[in-house]
């Protein structure tokens, strides 16, 4: 029989990972309650089968891949079905949450009798012919996730407790997405002040690698900005003390909310950013 693996939900990352698992012979279940028609279509294209909570709880693994602000609520909603399952799945929280949030999710899941694995995804969704992202895992049951390697996932087991994988994800995303926020803020400020062209020329001359990275990353951020709001808040919580830098990431969260609103509306900011970070190659 095919192993059953549940992936919630079929966003870009979830559908990509679900598709990779299905390609490698797994039966992939997902949950479409409250999801859009676009999500349902992504799931269909990825070979993911719609299921209810009971069917999700019957899987061998449950991979939670949702916006970070939804991660705890998902575990709480699935808890009754997980508790009732005669054979317990392994619950892998793959979300961009800080170690404290991961610990709260673990409490909910472990109270159902299920094993809990803390996870952190680094990299983009799997693409045909590509390796796909790394899924770092930690906790006393982390080694059990190695079974997913044979189904096409790049599993990397960390020595450490629940929270170690989340700490790695927070640190990595704080650098990459935090720097994207900085490049966004300064390009917009330069544009408002009439210094955009001069700044672009100077970056091209003295910091070409930095400009090239931002030119790739900033425009790709627009459709993701709404999801990065809660992620920046989680990273600020991970940093903790204000004098250690937490307000920087809180500020990034507010900036990403502004970009998300603009991308869905007038597109003044995103238009200015696209003009600044134009690909001149």
C-alpha atoms as a PDB file:
ATOM      1  CA  UNK A   1       0.000   0.000   0.000  1.00  0.00           C
ATOM      2  CA  UNK A   2       1.076   3.544  -0.655  1.00  0.00           C
ATOM      3  CA  UNK A   3       2.120   5.443   2.472  1.00  0.00           C
ATOM      4  CA  UNK A   4      -0.369   8.168   3.352  1.00  0.00           C
ATOM      5  CA  UNK A   5       1.091  11.603   4.005  1.00  0.00           C
ATOM      6  CA  UNK A   6      -1.064  14.638   4.781  1.00  0.00           C
ATOM      7  CA  UNK A   7       0.123  18.091   3.731  1.00  0.00           C
ATOM      8  CA  UNK A   8      -1.800  21.109   4.966  1.00  0.00           C
ATOM      9  CA  UNK A   9      -2.262  23.323   3.124  1.00  0.00           C
ATOM     10  CA  UNK A  10      -1.887  23.461  -0.681  1.00  0.00           C
ATOM     11  CA  UNK A  11      -0.315  26.891  -0.970  1.00  0.00           C
ATOM     12  CA  UNK A  12       2.710  27.260  -3.226  1.00  0.00           C
ATOM     13  CA  UNK A  13       5.055  25.501  -0.800  1.00  0.00           C
ATOM     14  CA  UNK A  14       2.515  22.936   0.388  1.00  0.00           C
ATOM     15  CA  UNK A  15       1.476  22.045  -3.137  1.00  0.00           C
ATOM     16  CA  UNK A  16       5.101  21.836  -4.236  1.00  0.00           C
ATOM     17  CA  UNK A  17       6.006  19.455  -1.416  1.00  0.00           C
ATOM     18  CA  UNK A  18       2.758  17.527  -1.868  1.00  0.00           C
ATOM     19  CA  UNK A  19       3.501  17.145  -5.556  1.00  0.00           C
ATOM     20  CA  UNK A  20       7.001  15.860  -4.847  1.00  0.00           C
ATOM     21  CA  UNK A  21       5.642  13.299  -2.377  1.00  0.00           C
ATOM     22  CA  UNK A  22       3.001  12.169  -4.869  1.00  0.00           C
ATOM     23  CA  UNK A  23       5.647  11.838  -7.614  1.00  0.00           C
ATOM     24  CA  UNK A  24       7.603   9.542  -5.309  1.00  0.00           C
ATOM     25  CA  UNK A  25       4.702   7.185  -4.719  1.00  0.00           C
ATOM     26  CA  UNK A  26       2.905   8.513  -1.645  1.00  0.00           C
ATOM     27  CA  UNK A  27      -0.825   9.028  -1.304  1.00  0.00           C
ATOM     28  CA  UNK A  28      -1.017  12.702  -0.394  1.00  0.00           C
ATOM     29  CA  UNK A  29      -4.029  14.047   1.432  1.00  0.00           C
ATOM     30  CA  UNK A  30      -4.854  17.671   2.070  1.00  0.00           C
ATOM     31  CA  UNK A  31      -7.570  19.734   3.656  1.00  0.00           C
ATOM     32  CA  UNK A  32      -9.476  22.199   1.496  1.00  0.00           C
ATOM     33  CA  UNK A  33     -11.972  23.492   4.058  1.00  0.00           C
ATOM     34  CA  UNK A  34     -12.169  27.263   3.638  1.00  0.00           C
ATOM     35  CA  UNK A  35      -9.617  27.282   0.839  1.00  0.00           C
ATOM     36  CA  UNK A  36     -10.031  29.096  -2.456  1.00  0.00           C
ATOM     37  CA  UNK A  37     -10.727  27.609  -5.864  1.00  0.00           C
ATOM     38  CA  UNK A  38      -7.126  28.398  -6.773  1.00  0.00           C
ATOM     39  CA  UNK A  39      -5.910  26.311  -3.822  1.00  0.00           C
ATOM     40  CA  UNK A  40      -8.151  23.441  -4.850  1.00  0.00           C
ATOM     41  CA  UNK A  41      -6.747  23.599  -8.372  1.00  0.00           C
ATOM     42  CA  UNK A  42      -3.151  23.631  -7.079  1.00  0.00           C
ATOM     43  CA  UNK A  43      -3.932  20.566  -5.003  1.00  0.00           C
ATOM     44  CA  UNK A  44      -5.444  18.783  -7.999  1.00  0.00           C
ATOM     45  CA  UNK A  45      -2.460  19.545 -10.225  1.00  0.00           C
ATOM     46  CA  UNK A  46      -0.098  18.333  -7.509  1.00  0.00           C
ATOM     47  CA  UNK A  47      -1.926  15.022  -7.162  1.00  0.00           C
ATOM     48  CA  UNK A  48      -3.172  15.812  -3.658  1.00  0.00           C
ATOM     49  CA  UNK A  49      -6.470  14.265  -2.559  1.00  0.00           C
ATOM     50  CA  UNK A  50      -9.031  16.270  -0.562  1.00  0.00           C
ATOM     51  CA  UNK A  51      -9.825  14.800   2.837  1.00  0.00           C
ATOM     52  CA  UNK A  52     -11.525  15.639   6.119  1.00  0.00           C
ATOM     53  CA  UNK A  53      -9.961  15.794   9.589  1.00  0.00           C
ATOM     54  CA  UNK A  54     -10.473  12.072  10.170  1.00  0.00           C
ATOM     55  CA  UNK A  55      -8.717  11.198   6.921  1.00  0.00           C
ATOM     56  CA  UNK A  56      -5.870  13.584   7.755  1.00  0.00           C
ATOM     57  CA  UNK A  57      -5.431  11.936  11.155  1.00  0.00           C
ATOM     58  CA  UNK A  58      -5.169   8.521   9.473  1.00  0.00           C
ATOM     59  CA  UNK A  59      -1.961   9.540   7.673  1.00  0.00           C
ATOM     60  CA  UNK A  60       1.492   8.311   8.641  1.00  0.00           C
ATOM     61  CA  UNK A  61       2.790  11.888   8.703  1.00  0.00           C
ATOM     62  CA  UNK A  62       0.961  15.209   8.951  1.00  0.00           C
ATOM     63  CA  UNK A  63       3.013  18.089   7.548  1.00  0.00           C
ATOM     64  CA  UNK A  64       1.693  21.479   8.654  1.00  0.00           C
ATOM     65  CA  UNK A  65       2.678  24.099   6.060  1.00  0.00           C
ATOM     66  CA  UNK A  66       0.493  27.147   6.666  1.00  0.00           C
ATOM     67  CA  UNK A  67       1.027  30.875   7.268  1.00  0.00           C
ATOM     68  CA  UNK A  68       2.776  31.172  10.655  1.00  0.00           C
ATOM     69  CA  UNK A  69      -0.166  32.974  12.217  1.00  0.00           C
ATOM     70  CA  UNK A  70      -2.342  29.904  11.504  1.00  0.00           C
ATOM     71  CA  UNK A  71       0.010  27.202  12.785  1.00  0.00           C
ATOM     72  CA  UNK A  72      -1.261  26.930  16.367  1.00  0.00           C
ATOM     73  CA  UNK A  73      -4.922  27.180  15.315  1.00  0.00           C
ATOM     74  CA  UNK A  74      -4.443  24.324  12.843  1.00  0.00           C
ATOM     75  CA  UNK A  75      -3.032  22.050  15.530  1.00  0.00           C
ATOM     76  CA  UNK A  76      -5.913  22.933  17.850  1.00  0.00           C
ATOM     77  CA  UNK A  77      -8.470  22.225  15.134  1.00  0.00           C
ATOM     78  CA  UNK A  78      -6.955  18.845  14.280  1.00  0.00           C
ATOM     79  CA  UNK A  79      -6.445  17.839  17.911  1.00  0.00           C
ATOM     80  CA  UNK A  80      -9.798  16.022  18.414  1.00  0.00           C
ATOM     81  CA  UNK A  81      -9.244  13.899  15.295  1.00  0.00           C
ATOM     82  CA  UNK A  82      -5.638  13.210  16.233  1.00  0.00           C
ATOM     83  CA  UNK A  83      -6.724  12.173  19.719  1.00  0.00           C
ATOM     84  CA  UNK A  84      -9.326   9.791  18.280  1.00  0.00           C
ATOM     85  CA  UNK A  85      -6.977   8.200  15.743  1.00  0.00           C
ATOM     86  CA  UNK A  86      -6.281   4.539  16.665  1.00  0.00           C
ATOM     87  CA  UNK A  87      -2.839   4.735  15.026  1.00  0.00           C
ATOM     88  CA  UNK A  88      -1.143   8.053  15.696  1.00  0.00           C
ATOM     89  CA  UNK A  89       0.517  10.011  12.908  1.00  0.00           C
ATOM     90  CA  UNK A  90       3.767  11.912  13.327  1.00  0.00           C
ATOM     91  CA  UNK A  91       3.002  15.637  13.277  1.00  0.00           C
ATOM     92  CA  UNK A  92       5.687  17.794  11.659  1.00  0.00           C
ATOM     93  CA  UNK A  93       5.218  21.532  12.086  1.00  0.00           C
ATOM     94  CA  UNK A  94       7.070  23.047   9.114  1.00  0.00           C
ATOM     95  CA  UNK A  95       6.030  26.649   9.731  1.00  0.00           C
ATOM     96  CA  UNK A  96       8.053  29.820  10.212  1.00  0.00           C
ATOM     97  CA  UNK A  97       7.340  30.182  13.926  1.00  0.00           C
ATOM     98  CA  UNK A  98       9.635  31.027  16.803  1.00  0.00           C
ATOM     99  CA  UNK A  99      10.701  28.369  19.318  1.00  0.00           C
ATOM    100  CA  UNK A 100       8.149  29.543  21.875  1.00  0.00           C
ATOM    101  CA  UNK A 101       5.297  29.120  19.395  1.00  0.00           C
ATOM    102  CA  UNK A 102       6.689  25.729  18.355  1.00  0.00           C
ATOM    103  CA  UNK A 103       6.623  24.644  22.007  1.00  0.00           C
ATOM    104  CA  UNK A 104       2.967  25.683  22.342  1.00  0.00           C
ATOM    105  CA  UNK A 105       2.050  23.740  19.206  1.00  0.00           C
ATOM    106  CA  UNK A 106       3.968  20.745  20.560  1.00  0.00           C
ATOM    107  CA  UNK A 107       1.923  20.833  23.780  1.00  0.00           C
ATOM    108  CA  UNK A 108      -1.312  20.663  21.772  1.00  0.00           C
ATOM    109  CA  UNK A 109      -0.114  17.852  19.538  1.00  0.00           C
ATOM    110  CA  UNK A 110       1.589  15.726  22.176  1.00  0.00           C
ATOM    111  CA  UNK A 111      -1.550  15.870  24.362  1.00  0.00           C
ATOM    112  CA  UNK A 112      -3.272  13.847  21.601  1.00  0.00           C
ATOM    113  CA  UNK A 113      -0.694  11.057  21.853  1.00  0.00           C
ATOM    114  CA  UNK A 114       1.025  11.990  18.590  1.00  0.00           C
ATOM    115  CA  UNK A 115       4.748  12.448  18.196  1.00  0.00           C
ATOM    116  CA  UNK A 116       5.744  16.032  17.382  1.00  0.00           C
ATOM    117  CA  UNK A 117       8.650  17.168  15.234  1.00  0.00           C
ATOM    118  CA  UNK A 118       9.761  20.795  14.988  1.00  0.00           C
ATOM    119  CA  UNK A 119      10.572  21.723  11.396  1.00  0.00           C
ATOM    120  CA  UNK A 120      11.841  24.653   9.382  1.00  0.00           C
ATOM    121  CA  UNK A 121      11.824  24.944   5.591  1.00  0.00           C
ATOM    122  CA  UNK A 122      14.662  26.818   3.899  1.00  0.00           C
ATOM    123  CA  UNK A 123      14.439  27.278   0.140  1.00  0.00           C
ATOM    124  CA  UNK A 124      11.709  27.582  -2.458  1.00  0.00           C
ATOM    125  CA  UNK A 125       9.040  25.034  -3.427  1.00  0.00           C
ATOM    126  CA  UNK A 126      10.199  21.925  -5.309  1.00  0.00           C
ATOM    127  CA  UNK A 127      10.233  22.240  -9.077  1.00  0.00           C
ATOM    128  CA  UNK A 128      10.443  19.468 -11.691  1.00  0.00           C
ATOM    129  CA  UNK A 129      14.032  18.320 -11.901  1.00  0.00           C
ATOM    130  CA  UNK A 130      15.053  20.447  -8.923  1.00  0.00           C
ATOM    131  CA  UNK A 131      16.129  19.241  -5.488  1.00  0.00           C
ATOM    132  CA  UNK A 132      13.643  21.323  -3.557  1.00  0.00           C
ATOM    133  CA  UNK A 133      14.009  23.031  -0.178  1.00  0.00           C
ATOM    134  CA  UNK A 134      15.754  21.697   2.895  1.00  0.00           C
ATOM    135  CA  UNK A 135      13.467  20.646   5.740  1.00  0.00           C
ATOM    136  CA  UNK A 136      15.391  20.917   8.992  1.00  0.00           C
ATOM    137  CA  UNK A 137      13.891  18.949  11.880  1.00  0.00           C
ATOM    138  CA  UNK A 138      14.582  18.754  15.599  1.00  0.00           C
ATOM    139  CA  UNK A 139      13.229  17.206  18.785  1.00  0.00           C
ATOM    140  CA  UNK A 140      13.408  13.763  20.328  1.00  0.00           C
ATOM    141  CA  UNK A 141      11.405  12.224  17.454  1.00  0.00           C
ATOM    142  CA  UNK A 142      13.183  14.110  14.658  1.00  0.00           C
ATOM    143  CA  UNK A 143      14.930  11.020  13.294  1.00  0.00           C
ATOM    144  CA  UNK A 144      11.533   9.579  12.361  1.00  0.00           C
ATOM    145  CA  UNK A 145      11.235  12.238   9.648  1.00  0.00           C
ATOM    146  CA  UNK A 146      14.109  10.557   7.803  1.00  0.00           C
ATOM    147  CA  UNK A 147      11.484   8.202   6.376  1.00  0.00           C
ATOM    148  CA  UNK A 148      10.433  11.102   4.153  1.00  0.00           C
ATOM    149  CA  UNK A 149      13.794  11.096   2.374  1.00  0.00           C
ATOM    150  CA  UNK A 150      12.724   8.077   0.335  1.00  0.00           C
ATOM    151  CA  UNK A 151       9.716  10.120  -0.794  1.00  0.00           C
ATOM    152  CA  UNK A 152      11.803  12.902  -2.289  1.00  0.00           C
ATOM    153  CA  UNK A 153      12.222  15.359   0.579  1.00  0.00           C
ATOM    154  CA  UNK A 154      15.561  16.799   1.694  1.00  0.00           C
ATOM    155  CA  UNK A 155      15.361  16.065   5.432  1.00  0.00           C
ATOM    156  CA  UNK A 156      18.145  17.393   7.662  1.00  0.00           C
ATOM    157  CA  UNK A 157      18.069  16.247  11.271  1.00  0.00           C
ATOM    158  CA  UNK A 158      19.455  18.705  13.815  1.00  0.00           C
ATOM    159  CA  UNK A 159      20.855  17.694  17.174  1.00  0.00           C
ATOM    160  CA  UNK A 160      18.676  19.645  19.537  1.00  0.00           C
ATOM    161  CA  UNK A 161      15.296  19.891  21.220  1.00  0.00           C
ATOM    162  CA  UNK A 162      11.984  21.139  19.890  1.00  0.00           C
ATOM    163  CA  UNK A 163      12.692  24.725  18.891  1.00  0.00           C
ATOM    164  CA  UNK A 164      16.133  24.162  17.365  1.00  0.00           C
ATOM    165  CA  UNK A 165      14.821  23.876  13.802  1.00  0.00           C
ATOM    166  CA  UNK A 166      12.549  26.868  14.343  1.00  0.00           C
ATOM    167  CA  UNK A 167      15.475  28.897  15.706  1.00  0.00           C
ATOM    168  CA  UNK A 168      17.475  28.129  12.558  1.00  0.00           C
ATOM    169  CA  UNK A 169      14.554  29.142  10.349  1.00  0.00           C
ATOM    170  CA  UNK A 170      14.005  32.356  12.303  1.00  0.00           C
ATOM    171  CA  UNK A 171      17.667  33.299  12.068  1.00  0.00           C
ATOM    172  CA  UNK A 172      17.929  32.563   8.356  1.00  0.00           C
ATOM    173  CA  UNK A 173      14.666  34.299   7.438  1.00  0.00           C
ATOM    174  CA  UNK A 174      15.511  37.242   9.662  1.00  0.00           C
ATOM    175  CA  UNK A 175      18.621  37.825   7.565  1.00  0.00           C
ATOM    176  CA  UNK A 176      17.171  37.204   4.105  1.00  0.00           C
ATOM    177  CA  UNK A 177      13.684  38.676   4.507  1.00  0.00           C
ATOM    178  CA  UNK A 178      14.920  41.346   6.883  1.00  0.00           C
ATOM    179  CA  UNK A 179      17.432  42.460   4.274  1.00  0.00           C
ATOM    180  CA  UNK A 180      14.708  42.432   1.610  1.00  0.00           C
ATOM    181  CA  UNK A 181      12.683  44.733   3.873  1.00  0.00           C
ATOM    182  CA  UNK A 182      15.675  47.070   4.271  1.00  0.00           C
ATOM    183  CA  UNK A 183      16.212  47.201   0.518  1.00  0.00           C
ATOM    184  CA  UNK A 184      12.502  47.897   0.060  1.00  0.00           C
ATOM    185  CA  UNK A 185      12.390  50.695   2.620  1.00  0.00           C
ATOM    186  CA  UNK A 186      15.476  52.491   1.337  1.00  0.00           C
ATOM    187  CA  UNK A 187      14.513  52.257  -2.340  1.00  0.00           C
ATOM    188  CA  UNK A 188      11.130  53.802  -1.527  1.00  0.00           C
ATOM    189  CA  UNK A 189      12.721  56.518   0.613  1.00  0.00           C
ATOM    190  CA  UNK A 190      15.210  57.359  -2.135  1.00  0.00           C
ATOM    191  CA  UNK A 191      12.394  57.497  -4.675  1.00  0.00           C
ATOM    192  CA  UNK A 192      10.368  59.899  -2.514  1.00  0.00           C
ATOM    193  CA  UNK A 193      13.425  62.104  -2.089  1.00  0.00           C
ATOM    194  CA  UNK A 194      14.335  62.171  -5.782  1.00  0.00           C
ATOM    195  CA  UNK A 195      17.564  60.231  -5.261  1.00  0.00           C
ATOM    196  CA  UNK A 196      16.538  56.917  -6.808  1.00  0.00           C
ATOM    197  CA  UNK A 197      18.616  57.106  -9.974  1.00  0.00           C
ATOM    198  CA  UNK A 198      21.718  58.256  -8.139  1.00  0.00           C
ATOM    199  CA  UNK A 199      21.313  55.478  -5.565  1.00  0.00           C
ATOM    200  CA  UNK A 200      20.852  52.847  -8.273  1.00  0.00           C
ATOM    201  CA  UNK A 201      23.998  54.025 -10.107  1.00  0.00           C
ATOM    202  CA  UNK A 202      26.040  53.979  -6.904  1.00  0.00           C
ATOM    203  CA  UNK A 203      24.858  50.493  -5.952  1.00  0.00           C
ATOM    204  CA  UNK A 204      25.598  49.224  -9.458  1.00  0.00           C
ATOM    205  CA  UNK A 205      29.118  50.638  -9.233  1.00  0.00           C
ATOM    206  CA  UNK A 206      30.114  49.864  -5.658  1.00  0.00           C
ATOM    207  CA  UNK A 207      27.758  47.044  -4.574  1.00  0.00           C
ATOM    208  CA  UNK A 208      26.802  45.085  -7.712  1.00  0.00           C
ATOM    209  CA  UNK A 209      26.271  41.782  -5.893  1.00  0.00           C
ATOM    210  CA  UNK A 210      24.004  43.432  -3.326  1.00  0.00           C
ATOM    211  CA  UNK A 211      22.010  45.215  -6.043  1.00  0.00           C
ATOM    212  CA  UNK A 212      21.714  42.018  -8.070  1.00  0.00           C
ATOM    213  CA  UNK A 213      20.352  40.107  -5.083  1.00  0.00           C
ATOM    214  CA  UNK A 214      17.762  42.780  -4.282  1.00  0.00           C
ATOM    215  CA  UNK A 215      16.799  43.063  -7.949  1.00  0.00           C
ATOM    216  CA  UNK A 216      15.865  39.393  -7.881  1.00  0.00           C
ATOM    217  CA  UNK A 217      14.301  39.272  -4.433  1.00  0.00           C
ATOM    218  CA  UNK A 218      12.265  42.461  -4.037  1.00  0.00           C
ATOM    219  CA  UNK A 219       9.867  41.989  -6.988  1.00  0.00           C
ATOM    220  CA  UNK A 220       9.351  38.336  -6.018  1.00  0.00           C
ATOM    221  CA  UNK A 221       8.290  39.482  -2.567  1.00  0.00           C
ATOM    222  CA  UNK A 222       5.078  41.339  -3.570  1.00  0.00           C
ATOM    223  CA  UNK A 223       2.691  38.334  -3.694  1.00  0.00           C
ATOM    224  CA  UNK A 224       4.263  36.875  -0.544  1.00  0.00           C
ATOM    225  CA  UNK A 225       4.272  40.028   1.586  1.00  0.00           C
ATOM    226  CA  UNK A 226       0.986  39.232   3.328  1.00  0.00           C
ATOM    227  CA  UNK A 227       2.437  35.943   4.577  1.00  0.00           C
ATOM    228  CA  UNK A 228       5.648  37.573   5.754  1.00  0.00           C
ATOM    229  CA  UNK A 229       3.858  39.878   8.205  1.00  0.00           C
ATOM    230  CA  UNK A 230       3.294  37.193  10.845  1.00  0.00           C
ATOM    231  CA  UNK A 231       6.694  35.671  10.064  1.00  0.00           C
ATOM    232  CA  UNK A 232       8.450  38.950  10.893  1.00  0.00           C
ATOM    233  CA  UNK A 233       6.429  39.150  14.108  1.00  0.00           C
ATOM    234  CA  UNK A 234       7.544  35.622  14.994  1.00  0.00           C
ATOM    235  CA  UNK A 235      11.169  36.567  14.327  1.00  0.00           C
ATOM    236  CA  UNK A 236      10.820  39.667  16.513  1.00  0.00           C
ATOM    237  CA  UNK A 237       9.504  37.408  19.268  1.00  0.00           C
ATOM    238  CA  UNK A 238      12.464  35.072  18.733  1.00  0.00           C
ATOM    239  CA  UNK A 239      14.922  37.957  19.127  1.00  0.00           C
ATOM    240  CA  UNK A 240      13.071  39.052  22.245  1.00  0.00           C
ATOM    241  CA  UNK A 241      14.612  42.109  23.869  1.00  0.00           C
ATOM    242  CA  UNK A 242      14.111  45.504  22.184  1.00  0.00           C
ATOM    243  CA  UNK A 243      17.788  46.378  22.600  1.00  0.00           C
ATOM    244  CA  UNK A 244      18.736  43.140  20.823  1.00  0.00           C
ATOM    245  CA  UNK A 245      16.991  44.226  17.620  1.00  0.00           C
ATOM    246  CA  UNK A 246      13.400  43.009  17.909  1.00  0.00           C
ATOM    247  CA  UNK A 247      11.876  46.368  16.835  1.00  0.00           C
ATOM    248  CA  UNK A 248      13.656  46.087  13.473  1.00  0.00           C
ATOM    249  CA  UNK A 249      11.656  42.981  12.622  1.00  0.00           C
ATOM    250  CA  UNK A 250       8.431  44.453  14.000  1.00  0.00           C
ATOM    251  CA  UNK A 251       9.047  47.348  11.630  1.00  0.00           C
ATOM    252  CA  UNK A 252       9.612  44.910   8.772  1.00  0.00           C
ATOM    253  CA  UNK A 253       6.240  43.344   9.564  1.00  0.00           C
ATOM    254  CA  UNK A 254       4.492  46.714   9.252  1.00  0.00           C
ATOM    255  CA  UNK A 255       6.344  47.406   6.000  1.00  0.00           C
ATOM    256  CA  UNK A 256       5.312  44.074   4.521  1.00  0.00           C
ATOM    257  CA  UNK A 257       1.706  44.780   5.501  1.00  0.00           C
ATOM    258  CA  UNK A 258       1.938  48.065   3.613  1.00  0.00           C
ATOM    259  CA  UNK A 259       3.381  46.315   0.561  1.00  0.00           C
ATOM    260  CA  UNK A 260       0.686  43.641   0.702  1.00  0.00           C
ATOM    261  CA  UNK A 261      -2.029  46.311   0.808  1.00  0.00           C
ATOM    262  CA  UNK A 262      -0.400  48.241  -2.015  1.00  0.00           C
ATOM    263  CA  UNK A 263       0.016  45.135  -4.197  1.00  0.00           C
ATOM    264  CA  UNK A 264      -3.713  44.456  -3.830  1.00  0.00           C
ATOM    265  CA  UNK A 265      -4.646  48.090  -4.437  1.00  0.00           C
ATOM    266  CA  UNK A 266      -3.071  51.151  -6.050  1.00  0.00           C
ATOM    267  CA  UNK A 267       0.386  49.578  -6.579  1.00  0.00           C
ATOM    268  CA  UNK A 268       2.163  52.880  -6.015  1.00  0.00           C
ATOM    269  CA  UNK A 269       4.875  51.397  -3.816  1.00  0.00           C
ATOM    270  CA  UNK A 270       5.291  48.203  -5.803  1.00  0.00           C
ATOM    271  CA  UNK A 271       5.408  50.225  -9.003  1.00  0.00           C
ATOM    272  CA  UNK A 272       8.169  52.420  -7.594  1.00  0.00           C
ATOM    273  CA  UNK A 273      10.077  49.375  -6.397  1.00  0.00           C
ATOM    274  CA  UNK A 274       9.800  47.677  -9.782  1.00  0.00           C
ATOM    275  CA  UNK A 275      11.111  50.835 -11.439  1.00  0.00           C
ATOM    276  CA  UNK A 276      14.059  50.937  -9.047  1.00  0.00           C
ATOM    277  CA  UNK A 277      14.893  47.243  -9.078  1.00  0.00           C
ATOM    278  CA  UNK A 278      14.633  46.841 -12.823  1.00  0.00           C
ATOM    279  CA  UNK A 279      16.685  44.118 -14.396  1.00  0.00           C
ATOM    280  CA  UNK A 280      19.140  45.930 -16.654  1.00  0.00           C
ATOM    281  CA  UNK A 281      20.878  42.800 -17.941  1.00  0.00           C
END
